[in-house]
């Protein structure tokens, strides 16, 4: 089965403890739905920086900075898309970028 890198963009930090608890529950429910297809549940990431050819550096990750990642198994792009459509970051206005990974 193929592995897919999910790259999270955007979303928001919960403003209250109740909202944080709800967000954690939403992520937990999503991971439960994915089940054994979770390869690496990933993590949120800090501020990103983009390094371009020629050594130019863009602070803050450029136009669409990464806010987290995960790695999941799916038989096809269509299945990976189905999994991504349930991602809690979408509720917060974020997005999920999907790319199949390959062994060297």
C-alpha atoms as a PDB file:
ATOM      1  CA  UNK A   1       0.000   0.000   0.000  1.00  0.00           C
ATOM      2  CA  UNK A   2       1.298   3.455  -0.875  1.00  0.00           C
ATOM      3  CA  UNK A   3       2.255   6.018   1.746  1.00  0.00           C
ATOM      4  CA  UNK A   4       1.104   9.624   1.459  1.00  0.00           C
ATOM      5  CA  UNK A   5       2.570  12.734   3.030  1.00  0.00           C
ATOM      6  CA  UNK A   6      -0.134  15.099   4.268  1.00  0.00           C
ATOM      7  CA  UNK A   7       1.155  18.643   4.604  1.00  0.00           C
ATOM      8  CA  UNK A   8      -1.063  20.944   6.632  1.00  0.00           C
ATOM      9  CA  UNK A   9      -1.325  24.640   5.844  1.00  0.00           C
ATOM     10  CA  UNK A  10      -3.123  27.255   7.907  1.00  0.00           C
ATOM     11  CA  UNK A  11      -5.628  26.489  10.586  1.00  0.00           C
ATOM     12  CA  UNK A  12      -5.723  28.266  13.884  1.00  0.00           C
ATOM     13  CA  UNK A  13      -4.659  27.920  17.475  1.00  0.00           C
ATOM     14  CA  UNK A  14      -7.628  27.366  19.822  1.00  0.00           C
ATOM     15  CA  UNK A  15      -8.341  30.465  21.878  1.00  0.00           C
ATOM     16  CA  UNK A  16      -9.893  28.746  24.897  1.00  0.00           C
ATOM     17  CA  UNK A  17      -9.206  25.585  26.872  1.00  0.00           C
ATOM     18  CA  UNK A  18     -12.599  24.264  25.774  1.00  0.00           C
ATOM     19  CA  UNK A  19     -11.746  24.861  22.111  1.00  0.00           C
ATOM     20  CA  UNK A  20      -8.344  23.195  22.612  1.00  0.00           C
ATOM     21  CA  UNK A  21     -10.012  20.157  24.177  1.00  0.00           C
ATOM     22  CA  UNK A  22     -12.496  19.972  21.302  1.00  0.00           C
ATOM     23  CA  UNK A  23      -9.665  20.221  18.755  1.00  0.00           C
ATOM     24  CA  UNK A  24      -7.786  17.391  20.457  1.00  0.00           C
ATOM     25  CA  UNK A  25     -10.957  15.287  20.453  1.00  0.00           C
ATOM     26  CA  UNK A  26     -11.524  16.032  16.746  1.00  0.00           C
ATOM     27  CA  UNK A  27      -7.955  15.002  15.874  1.00  0.00           C
ATOM     28  CA  UNK A  28      -8.273  11.869  18.038  1.00  0.00           C
ATOM     29  CA  UNK A  29     -11.527  10.917  16.299  1.00  0.00           C
ATOM     30  CA  UNK A  30      -9.917  11.436  12.890  1.00  0.00           C
ATOM     31  CA  UNK A  31      -6.924   9.255  13.791  1.00  0.00           C
ATOM     32  CA  UNK A  32      -9.333   6.606  15.086  1.00  0.00           C
ATOM     33  CA  UNK A  33     -11.158   6.698  11.713  1.00  0.00           C
ATOM     34  CA  UNK A  34      -7.825   6.277   9.883  1.00  0.00           C
ATOM     35  CA  UNK A  35      -6.832   3.411  12.180  1.00  0.00           C
ATOM     36  CA  UNK A  36      -3.909   1.210  11.131  1.00  0.00           C
ATOM     37  CA  UNK A  37      -3.311   3.376   8.064  1.00  0.00           C
ATOM     38  CA  UNK A  38      -1.520   5.931  10.286  1.00  0.00           C
ATOM     39  CA  UNK A  39       2.208   5.550   9.560  1.00  0.00           C
ATOM     40  CA  UNK A  40       3.343   8.708  11.372  1.00  0.00           C
ATOM     41  CA  UNK A  41       0.691  10.842  13.033  1.00  0.00           C
ATOM     42  CA  UNK A  42       2.966  13.829  12.531  1.00  0.00           C
ATOM     43  CA  UNK A  43       3.175  16.995  14.551  1.00  0.00           C
ATOM     44  CA  UNK A  44       2.423  20.667  14.289  1.00  0.00           C
ATOM     45  CA  UNK A  45       5.488  22.653  13.233  1.00  0.00           C
ATOM     46  CA  UNK A  46       6.867  26.054  14.151  1.00  0.00           C
ATOM     47  CA  UNK A  47       7.467  28.980  11.862  1.00  0.00           C
ATOM     48  CA  UNK A  48       8.889  27.808   8.554  1.00  0.00           C
ATOM     49  CA  UNK A  49      11.529  29.405   6.361  1.00  0.00           C
ATOM     50  CA  UNK A  50      11.915  28.814   2.615  1.00  0.00           C
ATOM     51  CA  UNK A  51      15.350  28.740   0.975  1.00  0.00           C
ATOM     52  CA  UNK A  52      15.291  29.325  -2.797  1.00  0.00           C
ATOM     53  CA  UNK A  53      17.874  28.683  -5.514  1.00  0.00           C
ATOM     54  CA  UNK A  54      20.571  31.319  -5.380  1.00  0.00           C
ATOM     55  CA  UNK A  55      20.352  31.456  -1.593  1.00  0.00           C
ATOM     56  CA  UNK A  56      17.335  33.761  -1.299  1.00  0.00           C
ATOM     57  CA  UNK A  57      15.547  33.180   2.013  1.00  0.00           C
ATOM     58  CA  UNK A  58      11.849  33.808   2.585  1.00  0.00           C
ATOM     59  CA  UNK A  59      10.930  34.147   6.252  1.00  0.00           C
ATOM     60  CA  UNK A  60       7.558  32.872   7.422  1.00  0.00           C
ATOM     61  CA  UNK A  61       7.529  30.069   4.832  1.00  0.00           C
ATOM     62  CA  UNK A  62       6.530  32.154   1.850  1.00  0.00           C
ATOM     63  CA  UNK A  63       3.009  32.312   0.464  1.00  0.00           C
ATOM     64  CA  UNK A  64       1.626  29.125   2.079  1.00  0.00           C
ATOM     65  CA  UNK A  65       3.632  28.126   5.164  1.00  0.00           C
ATOM     66  CA  UNK A  66       3.475  24.601   6.526  1.00  0.00           C
ATOM     67  CA  UNK A  67       1.793  24.204   9.927  1.00  0.00           C
ATOM     68  CA  UNK A  68       2.141  20.421  10.336  1.00  0.00           C
ATOM     69  CA  UNK A  69       2.384  17.033   8.661  1.00  0.00           C
ATOM     70  CA  UNK A  70       1.380  13.363   8.845  1.00  0.00           C
ATOM     71  CA  UNK A  71       2.074  10.182   6.874  1.00  0.00           C
ATOM     72  CA  UNK A  72      -0.736   7.770   6.055  1.00  0.00           C
ATOM     73  CA  UNK A  73      -1.271   4.633   3.988  1.00  0.00           C
ATOM     74  CA  UNK A  74      -3.851   4.617   1.212  1.00  0.00           C
ATOM     75  CA  UNK A  75      -4.334   2.385  -1.823  1.00  0.00           C
ATOM     76  CA  UNK A  76      -4.831   5.328  -4.184  1.00  0.00           C
ATOM     77  CA  UNK A  77      -4.903   9.095  -4.449  1.00  0.00           C
ATOM     78  CA  UNK A  78      -8.690   8.910  -4.252  1.00  0.00           C
ATOM     79  CA  UNK A  79      -8.484   7.090  -0.900  1.00  0.00           C
ATOM     80  CA  UNK A  80      -5.903   9.597   0.380  1.00  0.00           C
ATOM     81  CA  UNK A  81      -8.257  12.419  -0.626  1.00  0.00           C
ATOM     82  CA  UNK A  82     -11.114  10.735   1.255  1.00  0.00           C
ATOM     83  CA  UNK A  83      -8.928  10.545   4.360  1.00  0.00           C
ATOM     84  CA  UNK A  84      -7.835  14.180   3.968  1.00  0.00           C
ATOM     85  CA  UNK A  85     -11.429  15.392   3.652  1.00  0.00           C
ATOM     86  CA  UNK A  86     -11.959  14.404   7.304  1.00  0.00           C
ATOM     87  CA  UNK A  87      -8.923  16.314   8.594  1.00  0.00           C
ATOM     88  CA  UNK A  88      -9.856  18.656  11.464  1.00  0.00           C
ATOM     89  CA  UNK A  89      -7.637  21.449  10.104  1.00  0.00           C
ATOM     90  CA  UNK A  90     -10.244  22.017   7.393  1.00  0.00           C
ATOM     91  CA  UNK A  91     -12.724  23.167  10.086  1.00  0.00           C
ATOM     92  CA  UNK A  92     -10.280  25.954  10.973  1.00  0.00           C
ATOM     93  CA  UNK A  93      -9.919  27.214   7.409  1.00  0.00           C
ATOM     94  CA  UNK A  94      -6.704  25.285   6.759  1.00  0.00           C
ATOM     95  CA  UNK A  95      -5.855  22.962   3.893  1.00  0.00           C
ATOM     96  CA  UNK A  96      -4.176  19.598   3.326  1.00  0.00           C
ATOM     97  CA  UNK A  97      -1.627  19.065   0.564  1.00  0.00           C
ATOM     98  CA  UNK A  98      -1.138  15.390  -0.389  1.00  0.00           C
ATOM     99  CA  UNK A  99       1.901  13.779  -2.039  1.00  0.00           C
ATOM    100  CA  UNK A 100       2.741  10.103  -2.491  1.00  0.00           C
ATOM    101  CA  UNK A 101       6.095   9.100  -1.020  1.00  0.00           C
ATOM    102  CA  UNK A 102       8.533   6.737  -2.716  1.00  0.00           C
ATOM    103  CA  UNK A 103      11.333   4.537  -1.425  1.00  0.00           C
ATOM    104  CA  UNK A 104      14.725   5.443  -2.891  1.00  0.00           C
END
